[in-house]
């Protein structure tokens, strides 16, 4: 079914343009032009974000931060093994998936850590990526309350994931 979605969308647009007696090709070109300008406006933020993530992981800063944060995680009932995931998830979704897969391979998918990782990945967001993409697309420069509120929501997601797995399984 998904193989036919793009041709169906193009056919629908063409039929709608014919019905309205408009030039469908020009409409599609205008949409592509607007999409390209959006990509150009977002691209610098994405390049900066991905470069920063790679540098943090390569330098060992994320590992050090994870080790330093582990006692605080224990205090809140979050398994210290997930410290790396908690540190990297707000920054990069693909890096978080890699860390989650690594934890599941080490501890097992049916272990408490594996289940906690799965719930954490599903209940949190790549905060900085999302803010840079959506705020960049909307042209918003000031993120005064957004970043602290989003990071607090992520922390609540991590905390609740840990407690949910502990109490349900």
Protein backbone atom coordinates (compact mmCIF):
# COMPACT_ATOMS: atom_id res chain seq x y z
CA UNK A 1 0.00 0.00 0.00
CA UNK A 2 2.77 2.45 0.90
CA UNK A 3 4.37 1.97 -2.52
CA UNK A 4 1.34 3.62 -4.06
CA UNK A 5 1.06 6.61 -1.69
CA UNK A 6 3.30 9.06 -3.59
CA UNK A 7 1.77 8.29 -7.00
CA UNK A 8 -1.72 8.57 -5.47
CA UNK A 9 -0.87 11.94 -3.92
CA UNK A 10 0.53 13.23 -7.22
CA UNK A 11 -2.51 11.92 -9.11
CA UNK A 12 -4.85 13.54 -6.57
CA UNK A 13 -3.07 16.89 -6.88
CA UNK A 14 -3.16 16.66 -10.67
CA UNK A 15 -6.88 15.84 -10.72
CA UNK A 16 -7.64 18.63 -8.26
CA UNK A 17 -5.64 21.09 -10.37
CA UNK A 18 -7.49 19.96 -13.52
CA UNK A 19 -10.81 20.34 -11.74
CA UNK A 20 -9.90 23.89 -10.64
CA UNK A 21 -8.37 24.66 -14.06
CA UNK A 22 -4.99 25.52 -12.52
CA UNK A 23 -1.48 24.59 -13.60
CA UNK A 24 -0.63 21.65 -11.31
CA UNK A 25 3.01 21.60 -12.38
CA UNK A 26 3.52 25.21 -11.27
CA UNK A 27 1.81 24.49 -7.96
CA UNK A 28 4.11 21.50 -7.34
CA UNK A 29 7.16 23.59 -8.27
CA UNK A 30 6.12 26.34 -5.88
CA UNK A 31 5.71 23.82 -3.05
CA UNK A 32 9.12 22.29 -3.82
CA UNK A 33 10.67 25.78 -3.83
CA UNK A 34 9.16 26.56 -0.42
CA UNK A 35 10.31 23.19 0.93
CA UNK A 36 13.83 23.82 -0.29
CA UNK A 37 13.96 27.25 1.35
CA UNK A 38 12.81 25.62 4.61
CA UNK A 39 15.61 23.05 4.37
CA UNK A 40 18.13 25.84 3.76
CA UNK A 41 16.94 27.70 6.87
CA UNK A 42 17.10 24.57 9.08
CA UNK A 43 20.31 23.04 7.74
CA UNK A 44 22.86 25.15 9.71
CA UNK A 45 21.23 24.28 13.04
CA UNK A 46 21.15 20.58 12.15
CA UNK A 47 24.79 20.55 11.07
CA UNK A 48 25.82 22.29 14.28
CA UNK A 49 23.76 19.93 16.43
CA UNK A 50 25.03 16.75 14.76
CA UNK A 51 28.64 17.98 14.93
CA UNK A 52 28.29 18.80 18.63
CA UNK A 53 26.83 15.37 19.38
CA UNK A 54 29.65 13.61 17.56
CA UNK A 55 32.27 15.74 19.32
CA UNK A 56 30.75 15.09 22.76
CA UNK A 57 30.66 11.34 22.20
CA UNK A 58 34.16 11.19 20.68
CA UNK A 59 35.70 13.27 23.47
CA UNK A 60 34.30 11.07 26.22
CA UNK A 61 32.38 13.96 27.78
CA UNK A 62 29.10 12.06 27.63
CA UNK A 63 30.66 9.06 29.40
CA UNK A 64 32.11 11.31 32.12
CA UNK A 65 28.80 13.12 32.57
CA UNK A 66 27.01 9.77 32.80
CA UNK A 67 29.35 8.54 35.52
CA UNK A 68 28.97 11.79 37.47
CA UNK A 69 25.18 11.73 37.19
CA UNK A 70 24.77 8.07 38.24
CA UNK A 71 24.44 8.82 42.01
CA UNK A 72 21.67 11.35 41.33
CA UNK A 73 19.90 8.78 39.16
CA UNK A 74 20.02 6.25 41.98
CA UNK A 75 18.48 8.88 44.27
CA UNK A 76 15.51 9.24 41.90
CA UNK A 77 15.21 5.49 41.33
CA UNK A 78 16.49 5.59 37.75
CA UNK A 79 18.86 2.69 37.00
CA UNK A 80 22.42 4.09 36.77
CA UNK A 81 23.06 1.90 33.71
CA UNK A 82 20.73 4.18 31.78
CA UNK A 83 22.73 7.33 32.62
CA UNK A 84 24.28 7.46 29.15
CA UNK A 85 20.83 7.17 27.55
CA UNK A 86 19.41 9.91 29.76
CA UNK A 87 22.30 12.22 28.86
CA UNK A 88 22.22 11.60 25.10
CA UNK A 89 18.47 11.29 24.41
CA UNK A 90 17.65 15.04 24.54
CA UNK A 91 20.44 15.67 22.02
CA UNK A 92 20.30 12.87 19.46
CA UNK A 93 17.66 10.26 18.71
CA UNK A 94 19.95 8.04 16.63
CA UNK A 95 22.68 8.09 19.29
CA UNK A 96 20.05 7.29 21.93
CA UNK A 97 18.81 4.34 19.87
CA UNK A 98 22.38 3.08 19.57
CA UNK A 99 22.90 3.39 23.33
CA UNK A 100 19.53 1.72 23.96
CA UNK A 101 20.35 -1.17 21.63
CA UNK A 102 23.71 -1.58 23.32
CA UNK A 103 22.08 -1.68 26.77
CA UNK A 104 19.50 -4.19 25.59
CA UNK A 105 22.23 -6.37 24.08
CA UNK A 106 24.19 -6.29 27.35
CA UNK A 107 21.30 -6.70 29.80
CA UNK A 108 18.67 -8.43 27.67
CA UNK A 109 15.42 -7.08 26.31
CA UNK A 110 13.30 -8.70 28.99
CA UNK A 111 15.46 -7.45 31.87
CA UNK A 112 14.43 -4.48 33.98
CA UNK A 113 17.10 -2.37 32.27
CA UNK A 114 15.94 -3.46 28.80
CA UNK A 115 12.32 -2.66 29.54
CA UNK A 116 13.26 0.64 31.18
CA UNK A 117 15.31 1.62 28.12
CA UNK A 118 12.41 0.75 25.81
CA UNK A 119 9.95 2.85 27.80
CA UNK A 120 12.45 5.71 28.10
CA UNK A 121 13.00 5.79 24.35
CA UNK A 122 9.26 5.87 23.77
CA UNK A 123 8.35 8.43 26.41
CA UNK A 124 10.99 11.11 25.85
CA UNK A 125 11.94 13.44 23.03
CA UNK A 126 15.08 14.59 21.29
CA UNK A 127 14.55 18.01 22.80
CA UNK A 128 17.38 20.03 21.27
CA UNK A 129 16.88 18.53 17.82
CA UNK A 130 13.15 19.24 17.92
CA UNK A 131 13.63 22.78 19.18
CA UNK A 132 16.28 23.58 16.58
CA UNK A 133 14.21 22.18 13.70
CA UNK A 134 10.78 23.53 14.59
CA UNK A 135 11.87 26.85 16.05
CA UNK A 136 14.27 27.31 13.12
CA UNK A 137 11.46 26.63 10.65
CA UNK A 138 9.18 29.10 12.45
CA UNK A 139 11.94 31.70 12.74
CA UNK A 140 11.82 31.77 16.55
CA UNK A 141 15.15 32.86 18.04
CA UNK A 142 14.39 33.07 21.77
CA UNK A 143 13.75 29.79 23.57
CA UNK A 144 13.59 31.34 27.03
CA UNK A 145 11.22 28.94 28.78
CA UNK A 146 11.03 26.21 26.17
CA UNK A 147 14.37 24.50 26.86
CA UNK A 148 13.98 24.24 30.67
CA UNK A 149 10.36 23.10 30.36
CA UNK A 150 11.22 20.52 27.69
CA UNK A 151 14.19 19.17 29.69
CA UNK A 152 12.00 18.93 32.79
CA UNK A 153 9.41 17.01 30.75
CA UNK A 154 12.18 14.66 29.56
CA UNK A 155 13.32 14.11 33.15
CA UNK A 156 9.76 13.30 34.19
CA UNK A 157 9.55 10.86 31.25
CA UNK A 158 12.77 9.12 32.36
CA UNK A 159 11.66 9.04 35.98
CA UNK A 160 8.18 7.73 35.17
CA UNK A 161 9.60 5.14 32.76
CA UNK A 162 11.81 3.80 35.51
CA UNK A 163 8.98 3.65 38.04
CA UNK A 164 6.51 2.21 35.55
CA UNK A 165 8.80 -0.66 34.67
CA UNK A 166 9.64 -1.27 38.31
CA UNK A 167 5.97 -1.47 39.37
CA UNK A 168 4.47 -3.22 36.34
CA UNK A 169 7.08 -5.88 35.74
